[in-house]
Amino acid sequence: MESGPAIFAGMVFALFGGALLVWTAVRVRHREPVVQGVRPVASATLATLAALVALAVGTWCFTRL
C-alpha cells in the first residue's frame, strides 16, 4: 500500500528533473537566457543543479519501494 505514493512522487520528481534538464540544455544550446536578468552561466548552473537534485530525489523515491 505504501508503494503507491513512492511511485507517484518518484515519477513527479523524475519527470520534472528530466524536463528541466532538457529545457535548460535547449536554452543553452540556442544561446538564449535561462532566466531573464541573471548571468547566463549562473542561471544555467543553478537550473542544472536543481534538475539533478530532482532526479536524485526521484531515484531515492524509487529505491524506497
PDB file of N, CA and C in Angstrom:
ATOM      1  N   MET A   1       0.809  -1.190   0.000  1.00  0.00           N
ATOM      2  CA  MET A   1       0.000   0.000   0.000  1.00  0.00           C
ATOM      3  C   MET A   1       0.855   1.258   0.000  1.00  0.00           C
ATOM      4  N   GLU A   2       2.031   1.231   0.635  1.00  0.00           N
ATOM      5  CA  GLU A   2       2.875   2.410   0.702  1.00  0.00           C
ATOM      6  C   GLU A   2       3.681   2.634  -0.565  1.00  0.00           C
ATOM      7  N   SER A   3       3.689   1.687  -1.474  1.00  0.00           N
ATOM      8  CA  SER A   3       4.470   1.867  -2.689  1.00  0.00           C
ATOM      9  C   SER A   3       3.795   2.821  -3.675  1.00  0.00           C
ATOM     10  N   GLY A   4       2.489   2.994  -3.574  1.00  0.00           N
ATOM     11  CA  GLY A   4       1.784   3.909  -4.473  1.00  0.00           C
ATOM     12  C   GLY A   4       2.274   5.341  -4.371  1.00  0.00           C
ATOM     13  N   PRO A   5       2.331   5.931  -3.171  1.00  0.00           N
ATOM     14  CA  PRO A   5       2.846   7.293  -3.056  1.00  0.00           C
ATOM     15  C   PRO A   5       4.314   7.416  -3.459  1.00  0.00           C
ATOM     16  N   ALA A   6       5.116   6.397  -3.193  1.00  0.00           N
ATOM     17  CA  ALA A   6       6.525   6.447  -3.574  1.00  0.00           C
ATOM     18  C   ALA A   6       6.673   6.445  -5.090  1.00  0.00           C
ATOM     19  N   ILE A   7       5.858   5.656  -5.766  1.00  0.00           N
ATOM     20  CA  ILE A   7       5.896   5.629  -7.231  1.00  0.00           C
ATOM     21  C   ILE A   7       5.448   6.969  -7.793  1.00  0.00           C
ATOM     22  N   PHE A   8       4.371   7.522  -7.245  1.00  0.00           N
ATOM     23  CA  PHE A   8       3.868   8.806  -7.717  1.00  0.00           C
ATOM     24  C   PHE A   8       4.905   9.909  -7.504  1.00  0.00           C
ATOM     25  N   ALA A   9       5.461   9.989  -6.307  1.00  0.00           N
ATOM     26  CA  ALA A   9       6.453  11.028  -6.009  1.00  0.00           C
ATOM     27  C   ALA A   9       7.700  10.844  -6.862  1.00  0.00           C
ATOM     28  N   GLY A  10       8.137   9.607  -7.028  1.00  0.00           N
ATOM     29  CA  GLY A  10       9.307   9.348  -7.857  1.00  0.00           C
ATOM     30  C   GLY A  10       9.089   9.766  -9.295  1.00  0.00           C
ATOM     31  N   MET A  11       7.918   9.485  -9.822  1.00  0.00           N
ATOM     32  CA  MET A  11       7.612   9.888 -11.204  1.00  0.00           C
ATOM     33  C   MET A  11       7.550  11.403 -11.347  1.00  0.00           C
ATOM     34  N   VAL A  12       6.941  12.072 -10.379  1.00  0.00           N
ATOM     35  CA  VAL A  12       6.848  13.535 -10.438  1.00  0.00           C
ATOM     36  C   VAL A  12       8.241  14.156 -10.429  1.00  0.00           C
ATOM     37  N   PHE A  13       9.083  13.727  -9.498  1.00  0.00           N
ATOM     38  CA  PHE A  13      10.437  14.272  -9.426  1.00  0.00           C
ATOM     39  C   PHE A  13      11.247  13.923 -10.664  1.00  0.00           C
ATOM     40  N   ALA A  14      11.126  12.698 -11.149  1.00  0.00           N
ATOM     41  CA  ALA A  14      11.893  12.289 -12.327  1.00  0.00           C
ATOM     42  C   ALA A  14      11.448  13.055 -13.571  1.00  0.00           C
ATOM     43  N   LEU A  15      10.158  13.221 -13.761  1.00  0.00           N
ATOM     44  CA  LEU A  15       9.667  13.972 -14.923  1.00  0.00           C
ATOM     45  C   LEU A  15      10.062  15.436 -14.845  1.00  0.00           C
ATOM     46  N   PHE A  16       9.924  16.032 -13.659  1.00  0.00           N
ATOM     47  CA  PHE A  16      10.306  17.431 -13.504  1.00  0.00           C
ATOM     48  C   PHE A  16      11.797  17.617 -13.739  1.00  0.00           C
ATOM     49  N   GLY A  17      12.609  16.770 -13.135  1.00  0.00           N
ATOM     50  CA  GLY A  17      14.052  16.889 -13.294  1.00  0.00           C
ATOM     51  C   GLY A  17      14.495  16.677 -14.733  1.00  0.00           C
ATOM     52  N   GLY A  18      13.923  15.678 -15.381  1.00  0.00           N
ATOM     53  CA  GLY A  18      14.265  15.428 -16.785  1.00  0.00           C
ATOM     54  C   GLY A  18      13.841  16.557 -17.694  1.00  0.00           C
ATOM     55  N   ALA A  19      12.632  17.066 -17.483  1.00  0.00           N
ATOM     56  CA  ALA A  19      12.135  18.170 -18.310  1.00  0.00           C
ATOM     57  C   ALA A  19      12.965  19.437 -18.091  1.00  0.00           C
ATOM     58  N   LEU A  20      13.310  19.720 -16.856  1.00  0.00           N
ATOM     59  CA  LEU A  20      14.128  20.902 -16.569  1.00  0.00           C
ATOM     60  C   LEU A  20      15.515  20.772 -17.169  1.00  0.00           C
ATOM     61  N   LEU A  21      16.070  19.593 -17.124  1.00  0.00           N
ATOM     62  CA  LEU A  21      17.393  19.364 -17.703  1.00  0.00           C
ATOM     63  C   LEU A  21      17.368  19.533 -19.220  1.00  0.00           C
ATOM     64  N   VAL A  22      16.356  18.977 -19.873  1.00  0.00           N
ATOM     65  CA  VAL A  22      16.238  19.111 -21.330  1.00  0.00           C
ATOM     66  C   VAL A  22      15.990  20.570 -21.707  1.00  0.00           C
ATOM     67  N   TRP A  23      15.098  21.237 -20.984  1.00  0.00           N
ATOM     68  CA  TRP A  23      14.778  22.629 -21.285  1.00  0.00           C
ATOM     69  C   TRP A  23      16.010  23.513 -21.132  1.00  0.00           C
ATOM     70  N   THR A  24      16.776  23.292 -20.071  1.00  0.00           N
ATOM     71  CA  THR A  24      17.988  24.079 -19.846  1.00  0.00           C
ATOM     72  C   THR A  24      18.994  23.829 -20.965  1.00  0.00           C
ATOM     73  N   ALA A  25      19.164  22.592 -21.367  1.00  0.00           N
ATOM     74  CA  ALA A  25      20.115  22.269 -22.435  1.00  0.00           C
ATOM     75  C   ALA A  25      19.715  22.923 -23.752  1.00  0.00           C
ATOM     76  N   VAL A  26      18.432  22.930 -24.055  1.00  0.00           N
ATOM     77  CA  VAL A  26      17.963  23.560 -25.302  1.00  0.00           C
ATOM     78  C   VAL A  26      18.192  25.069 -25.262  1.00  0.00           C
ATOM     79  N   ARG A  27      17.893  25.688 -24.116  1.00  0.00           N
ATOM     80  CA  ARG A  27      18.101  27.134 -23.992  1.00  0.00           C
ATOM     81  C   ARG A  27      19.583  27.492 -24.127  1.00  0.00           C
ATOM     82  N   VAL A  28      20.448  26.704 -23.517  1.00  0.00           N
ATOM     83  CA  VAL A  28      21.883  26.982 -23.587  1.00  0.00           C
ATOM     84  C   VAL A  28      22.388  26.751 -25.007  1.00  0.00           C
ATOM     85  N   ARG A  29      21.923  25.686 -25.643  1.00  0.00           N
ATOM     86  CA  ARG A  29      22.375  25.389 -26.997  1.00  0.00           C
ATOM     87  C   ARG A  29      21.998  26.492 -27.987  1.00  0.00           C
ATOM     88  N   HIS A  30      20.817  27.081 -27.807  1.00  0.00           N
ATOM     89  CA  HIS A  30      20.384  28.174 -28.683  1.00  0.00           C
ATOM     90  C   HIS A  30      20.879  29.542 -28.216  1.00  0.00           C
ATOM     91  N   ARG A  31      21.714  29.547 -27.196  1.00  0.00           N
ATOM     92  CA  ARG A  31      22.270  30.768 -26.616  1.00  0.00           C
ATOM     93  C   ARG A  31      21.182  31.752 -26.194  1.00  0.00           C
ATOM     94  N   GLU A  32      20.120  31.231 -25.636  1.00  0.00           N
ATOM     95  CA  GLU A  32      19.040  32.042 -25.096  1.00  0.00           C
ATOM     96  C   GLU A  32      19.153  32.036 -23.578  1.00  0.00           C
ATOM     97  N   PRO A  33      18.677  33.088 -22.928  1.00  0.00           N
ATOM     98  CA  PRO A  33      18.808  33.120 -21.464  1.00  0.00           C
ATOM     99  C   PRO A  33      17.921  32.077 -20.790  1.00  0.00           C
ATOM    100  N   VAL A  34      18.444  31.475 -19.752  1.00  0.00           N
ATOM    101  CA  VAL A  34      17.668  30.520 -18.970  1.00  0.00           C
ATOM    102  C   VAL A  34      16.738  31.293 -18.034  1.00  0.00           C
ATOM    103  N   VAL A  35      17.253  32.386 -17.461  1.00  0.00           N
ATOM    104  CA  VAL A  35      16.485  33.277 -16.607  1.00  0.00           C
ATOM    105  C   VAL A  35      16.773  34.702 -17.058  1.00  0.00           C
ATOM    106  N   GLN A  36      15.756  35.507 -17.211  1.00  0.00           N
ATOM    107  CA  GLN A  36      15.943  36.896 -17.627  1.00  0.00           C
ATOM    108  C   GLN A  36      16.599  37.697 -16.507  1.00  0.00           C
ATOM    109  N   GLY A  37      17.605  38.484 -16.858  1.00  0.00           N
ATOM    110  CA  GLY A  37      18.229  39.385 -15.907  1.00  0.00           C
ATOM    111  C   GLY A  37      19.290  38.764 -15.029  1.00  0.00           C
ATOM    112  N   VAL A  38      19.660  37.531 -15.290  1.00  0.00           N
ATOM    113  CA  VAL A  38      20.685  36.848 -14.497  1.00  0.00           C
ATOM    114  C   VAL A  38      21.796  36.423 -15.451  1.00  0.00           C
ATOM    115  N   ARG A  39      23.016  36.373 -14.930  1.00  0.00           N
ATOM    116  CA  ARG A  39      24.124  35.946 -15.788  1.00  0.00           C
ATOM    117  C   ARG A  39      23.841  34.558 -16.357  1.00  0.00           C
ATOM    118  N   PRO A  40      24.124  34.356 -17.636  1.00  0.00           N
ATOM    119  CA  PRO A  40      23.800  33.070 -18.280  1.00  0.00           C
ATOM    120  C   PRO A  40      24.462  31.862 -17.624  1.00  0.00           C
ATOM    121  N   VAL A  41      25.721  31.980 -17.235  1.00  0.00           N
ATOM    122  CA  VAL A  41      26.419  30.834 -16.638  1.00  0.00           C
ATOM    123  C   VAL A  41      25.811  30.490 -15.284  1.00  0.00           C
ATOM    124  N   ALA A  42      25.513  31.507 -14.494  1.00  0.00           N
ATOM    125  CA  ALA A  42      24.950  31.263 -13.164  1.00  0.00           C
ATOM    126  C   ALA A  42      23.562  30.641 -13.255  1.00  0.00           C
ATOM    127  N   SER A  43      22.736  31.160 -14.156  1.00  0.00           N
ATOM    128  CA  SER A  43      21.372  30.628 -14.261  1.00  0.00           C
ATOM    129  C   SER A  43      21.368  29.209 -14.825  1.00  0.00           C
ATOM    130  N   ALA A  44      22.225  28.931 -15.799  1.00  0.00           N
ATOM    131  CA  ALA A  44      22.294  27.578 -16.355  1.00  0.00           C
ATOM    132  C   ALA A  44      22.828  26.594 -15.318  1.00  0.00           C
ATOM    133  N   THR A  45      23.797  27.024 -14.532  1.00  0.00           N
ATOM    134  CA  THR A  45      24.349  26.155 -13.493  1.00  0.00           C
ATOM    135  C   THR A  45      23.309  25.855 -12.424  1.00  0.00           C
ATOM    136  N   LEU A  46      22.608  26.881 -11.971  1.00  0.00           N
ATOM    137  CA  LEU A  46      21.597  26.682 -10.939  1.00  0.00           C
ATOM    138  C   LEU A  46      20.448  25.802 -11.441  1.00  0.00           C
ATOM    139  N   ALA A  47      20.007  26.016 -12.679  1.00  0.00           N
ATOM    140  CA  ALA A  47      18.937  25.189 -13.231  1.00  0.00           C
ATOM    141  C   ALA A  47      19.376  23.738 -13.393  1.00  0.00           C
ATOM    142  N   THR A  48      20.620  23.530 -13.806  1.00  0.00           N
ATOM    143  CA  THR A  48      21.139  22.172 -13.951  1.00  0.00           C
ATOM    144  C   THR A  48      21.241  21.478 -12.597  1.00  0.00           C
ATOM    145  N   LEU A  49      21.710  22.195 -11.592  1.00  0.00           N
ATOM    146  CA  LEU A  49      21.792  21.612 -10.253  1.00  0.00           C
ATOM    147  C   LEU A  49      20.405  21.265  -9.710  1.00  0.00           C
ATOM    148  N   ALA A  50      19.438  22.133  -9.942  1.00  0.00           N
ATOM    149  CA  ALA A  50      18.069  21.845  -9.489  1.00  0.00           C
ATOM    150  C   ALA A  50      17.517  20.609 -10.195  1.00  0.00           C
ATOM    151  N   ALA A  51      17.807  20.471 -11.484  1.00  0.00           N
ATOM    152  CA  ALA A  51      17.345  19.303 -12.230  1.00  0.00           C
ATOM    153  C   ALA A  51      18.000  18.031 -11.712  1.00  0.00           C
ATOM    154  N   LEU A  52      19.288  18.094 -11.427  1.00  0.00           N
ATOM    155  CA  LEU A  52      19.983  16.906 -10.920  1.00  0.00           C
ATOM    156  C   LEU A  52      19.500  16.529  -9.524  1.00  0.00           C
ATOM    157  N   VAL A  53      19.206  17.518  -8.705  1.00  0.00           N
ATOM    158  CA  VAL A  53      18.665  17.229  -7.373  1.00  0.00           C
ATOM    159  C   VAL A  53      17.292  16.572  -7.496  1.00  0.00           C
ATOM    160  N   ALA A  54      16.452  17.077  -8.389  1.00  0.00           N
ATOM    161  CA  ALA A  54      15.131  16.475  -8.583  1.00  0.00           C
ATOM    162  C   ALA A  54      15.255  15.042  -9.085  1.00  0.00           C
ATOM    163  N   LEU A  55      16.179  14.786  -9.995  1.00  0.00           N
ATOM    164  CA  LEU A  55      16.387  13.422 -10.474  1.00  0.00           C
ATOM    165  C   LEU A  55      16.907  12.518  -9.362  1.00  0.00           C
ATOM    166  N   ALA A  56      17.771  13.047  -8.503  1.00  0.00           N
ATOM    167  CA  ALA A  56      18.280  12.261  -7.388  1.00  0.00           C
ATOM    168  C   ALA A  56      17.173  11.928  -6.394  1.00  0.00           C
ATOM    169  N   VAL A  57      16.302  12.882  -6.124  1.00  0.00           N
ATOM    170  CA  VAL A  57      15.183  12.627  -5.209  1.00  0.00           C
ATOM    171  C   VAL A  57      14.226  11.606  -5.824  1.00  0.00           C
ATOM    172  N   GLY A  58      13.986  11.704  -7.122  1.00  0.00           N
ATOM    173  CA  GLY A  58      13.149  10.716  -7.797  1.00  0.00           C
ATOM    174  C   GLY A  58      13.747   9.324  -7.720  1.00  0.00           C
ATOM    175  N   THR A  59      15.059   9.234  -7.911  1.00  0.00           N
ATOM    176  CA  THR A  59      15.732   7.932  -7.786  1.00  0.00           C
ATOM    177  C   THR A  59      15.630   7.412  -6.360  1.00  0.00           C
ATOM    178  N   TRP A  60      15.806   8.289  -5.398  1.00  0.00           N
ATOM    179  CA  TRP A  60      15.713   7.881  -3.997  1.00  0.00           C
ATOM    180  C   TRP A  60      14.305   7.352  -3.694  1.00  0.00           C
ATOM    181  N   CYS A  61      13.281   8.019  -4.244  1.00  0.00           N
ATOM    182  CA  CYS A  61      11.900   7.541  -4.016  1.00  0.00           C
ATOM    183  C   CYS A  61      11.712   6.147  -4.598  1.00  0.00           C
ATOM    184  N   PHE A  62      12.300   5.879  -5.762  1.00  0.00           N
ATOM    185  CA  PHE A  62      12.146   4.567  -6.373  1.00  0.00           C
ATOM    186  C   PHE A  62      12.901   3.477  -5.593  1.00  0.00           C
ATOM    187  N   THR A  63      13.967   3.864  -4.904  1.00  0.00           N
ATOM    188  CA  THR A  63      14.687   2.859  -4.128  1.00  0.00           C
ATOM    189  C   THR A  63      13.943   2.505  -2.846  1.00  0.00           C
ATOM    190  N   ARG A  64      12.945   3.264  -2.466  1.00  0.00           N
ATOM    191  CA  ARG A  64      12.172   3.011  -1.248  1.00  0.00           C
ATOM    192  C   ARG A  64      11.015   2.049  -1.483  1.00  0.00           C
ATOM    193  N   LEU A  65      10.893   1.497  -2.674  1.00  0.00           N
ATOM    194  CA  LEU A  65       9.779   0.581  -2.964  1.00  0.00           C
ATOM    195  C   LEU A  65       9.936  -0.703  -2.268  1.00  0.00           C
TER     196      LEU A  65
END
